[in-house]
Amino acid sequence: MVKVRGKIFVAFGADPIPGGPMSVTVKLPESHEAALDLPFTKPTGYGLGKSGWITATFTADEEPPLEILRAWVSESYRAVAPKKLLAPPPLTSRPARARER
């Protein structure tokens, strides 16, 4: 599990049996419906699917779509992280002493 400020935004799972499936779970408030159209996804259990969480599962011989997974992890981070962490850094001017010269 990966957290931001104590909140999970992505969870990775792997079957302990060599060659077993692996999974990625993320919160997708924007692309939830589109993600569920893919054959390797399903709503996350325990009622989390109702809140936009999906789980993608891949077997050992499948190549996970890394670009899609990167976009999903990014979306999930933005959905869970405090807005303060998402804000761009403020523009700063030169210190007052540098302007006085």
Protein backbone atom coordinates (compact mmCIF):
# COMPACT_ATOMS: atom_id res chain seq x y z
CA MET A 1 0.00 0.00 0.00
CA VAL A 2 1.12 3.51 -0.76
CA LYS A 3 -0.21 6.40 1.30
CA VAL A 4 -0.25 10.17 1.24
CA ARG A 5 -0.80 11.82 4.61
CA GLY A 6 -2.03 8.52 6.03
CA LYS A 7 -4.55 7.79 3.26
CA ILE A 8 -4.09 4.90 0.82
CA PHE A 9 -4.13 5.89 -2.84
CA VAL A 10 -2.76 2.69 -4.41
CA ALA A 11 -2.42 -0.90 -3.23
CA PHE A 12 -0.39 -3.59 -4.94
CA GLY A 13 -0.98 -7.28 -4.40
CA ALA A 14 0.77 -10.41 -5.55
CA ASP A 15 -0.06 -14.05 -5.13
CA PRO A 16 2.60 -15.74 -2.98
CA ILE A 17 2.67 -18.65 -5.41
CA PRO A 18 5.36 -18.03 -8.06
CA GLY A 19 3.70 -17.08 -11.33
CA GLY A 20 0.44 -16.19 -9.58
CA PRO A 21 -1.58 -13.10 -10.40
CA MET A 22 -0.77 -9.56 -9.31
CA SER A 23 -3.21 -6.73 -8.73
CA VAL A 24 -3.33 -2.95 -8.52
CA THR A 25 -6.11 -1.12 -6.68
CA VAL A 26 -6.76 2.60 -7.18
CA LYS A 27 -9.48 5.22 -6.68
CA LEU A 28 -10.72 6.62 -10.00
CA PRO A 29 -13.38 9.28 -9.54
CA GLU A 30 -13.01 10.51 -13.13
CA SER A 31 -12.28 7.39 -15.20
CA HIS A 32 -14.00 4.76 -13.05
CA GLU A 33 -16.64 3.79 -15.63
CA ALA A 34 -14.18 3.62 -18.53
CA ALA A 35 -11.78 1.53 -16.44
CA LEU A 36 -14.49 -1.01 -15.68
CA ASP A 37 -14.96 -1.59 -19.43
CA LEU A 38 -11.51 -3.21 -19.55
CA PRO A 39 -11.37 -7.01 -19.23
CA PHE A 40 -8.83 -7.03 -16.39
CA THR A 41 -10.71 -4.74 -13.98
CA LYS A 42 -13.54 -5.07 -11.48
CA PRO A 43 -14.97 -2.92 -8.70
CA THR A 44 -12.92 -3.30 -5.53
CA GLY A 45 -14.56 -5.43 -2.87
CA TYR A 46 -15.78 -4.50 0.59
CA GLY A 47 -18.05 -1.83 -0.92
CA LEU A 48 -15.11 0.29 -2.08
CA GLY A 49 -16.19 -0.11 -5.70
CA LYS A 50 -19.18 2.11 -4.96
CA SER A 51 -16.74 4.90 -4.07
CA GLY A 52 -14.81 4.66 -7.33
CA TRP A 53 -12.17 2.09 -6.37
CA ILE A 54 -11.20 -0.48 -9.00
CA THR A 55 -8.88 -3.47 -8.94
CA ALA A 56 -6.94 -4.54 -12.02
CA THR A 57 -5.59 -8.10 -11.98
CA PHE A 58 -2.96 -9.58 -14.28
CA THR A 59 -1.60 -13.09 -14.63
CA ALA A 60 2.14 -13.73 -14.80
CA ASP A 61 2.06 -14.10 -18.58
CA GLU A 62 0.14 -10.84 -19.17
CA GLU A 63 1.88 -7.54 -19.88
CA PRO A 64 0.20 -4.86 -17.71
CA PRO A 65 -0.59 -1.63 -19.61
CA LEU A 66 1.94 0.58 -17.83
CA GLU A 67 0.78 3.89 -19.32
CA ILE A 68 -2.79 3.25 -18.16
CA LEU A 69 -1.59 2.20 -14.71
CA ARG A 70 0.58 5.34 -14.39
CA ALA A 71 -2.39 7.52 -15.28
CA TRP A 72 -4.60 5.68 -12.79
CA VAL A 73 -2.07 6.02 -9.96
CA SER A 74 -1.80 9.73 -10.72
CA GLU A 75 -5.60 10.15 -10.74
CA SER A 76 -5.89 8.19 -7.50
CA TYR A 77 -3.22 10.34 -5.84
CA ARG A 78 -5.05 13.52 -6.89
CA ALA A 79 -8.32 12.07 -5.54
CA VAL A 80 -6.89 11.20 -2.12
CA ALA A 81 -4.13 13.75 -1.44
CA PRO A 82 -4.94 16.93 0.48
CA LYS A 83 -5.54 19.83 -1.91
CA LYS A 84 -2.63 21.66 -0.29
CA LEU A 85 -0.23 19.07 -1.72
CA LEU A 86 -1.75 19.42 -5.19
CA ALA A 87 -1.42 23.19 -5.40
CA PRO A 88 1.47 24.48 -7.49
CA PRO A 89 4.24 26.11 -5.49
CA PRO A 90 3.77 29.87 -5.12
CA LEU A 91 5.78 32.13 -7.37
CA THR A 92 8.45 33.88 -5.38
CA SER A 93 10.23 37.10 -6.10
CA ARG A 94 13.78 37.87 -5.23
CA PRO A 95 14.48 38.56 -1.55
CA ALA A 96 14.14 42.21 -0.46
CA ARG A 97 17.90 42.61 0.05
CA ALA A 98 18.62 41.61 -3.53
CA ARG A 99 16.18 44.25 -4.81
CA GLU A 100 17.77 47.01 -2.70
CA ARG A 101 21.12 46.85 -4.49
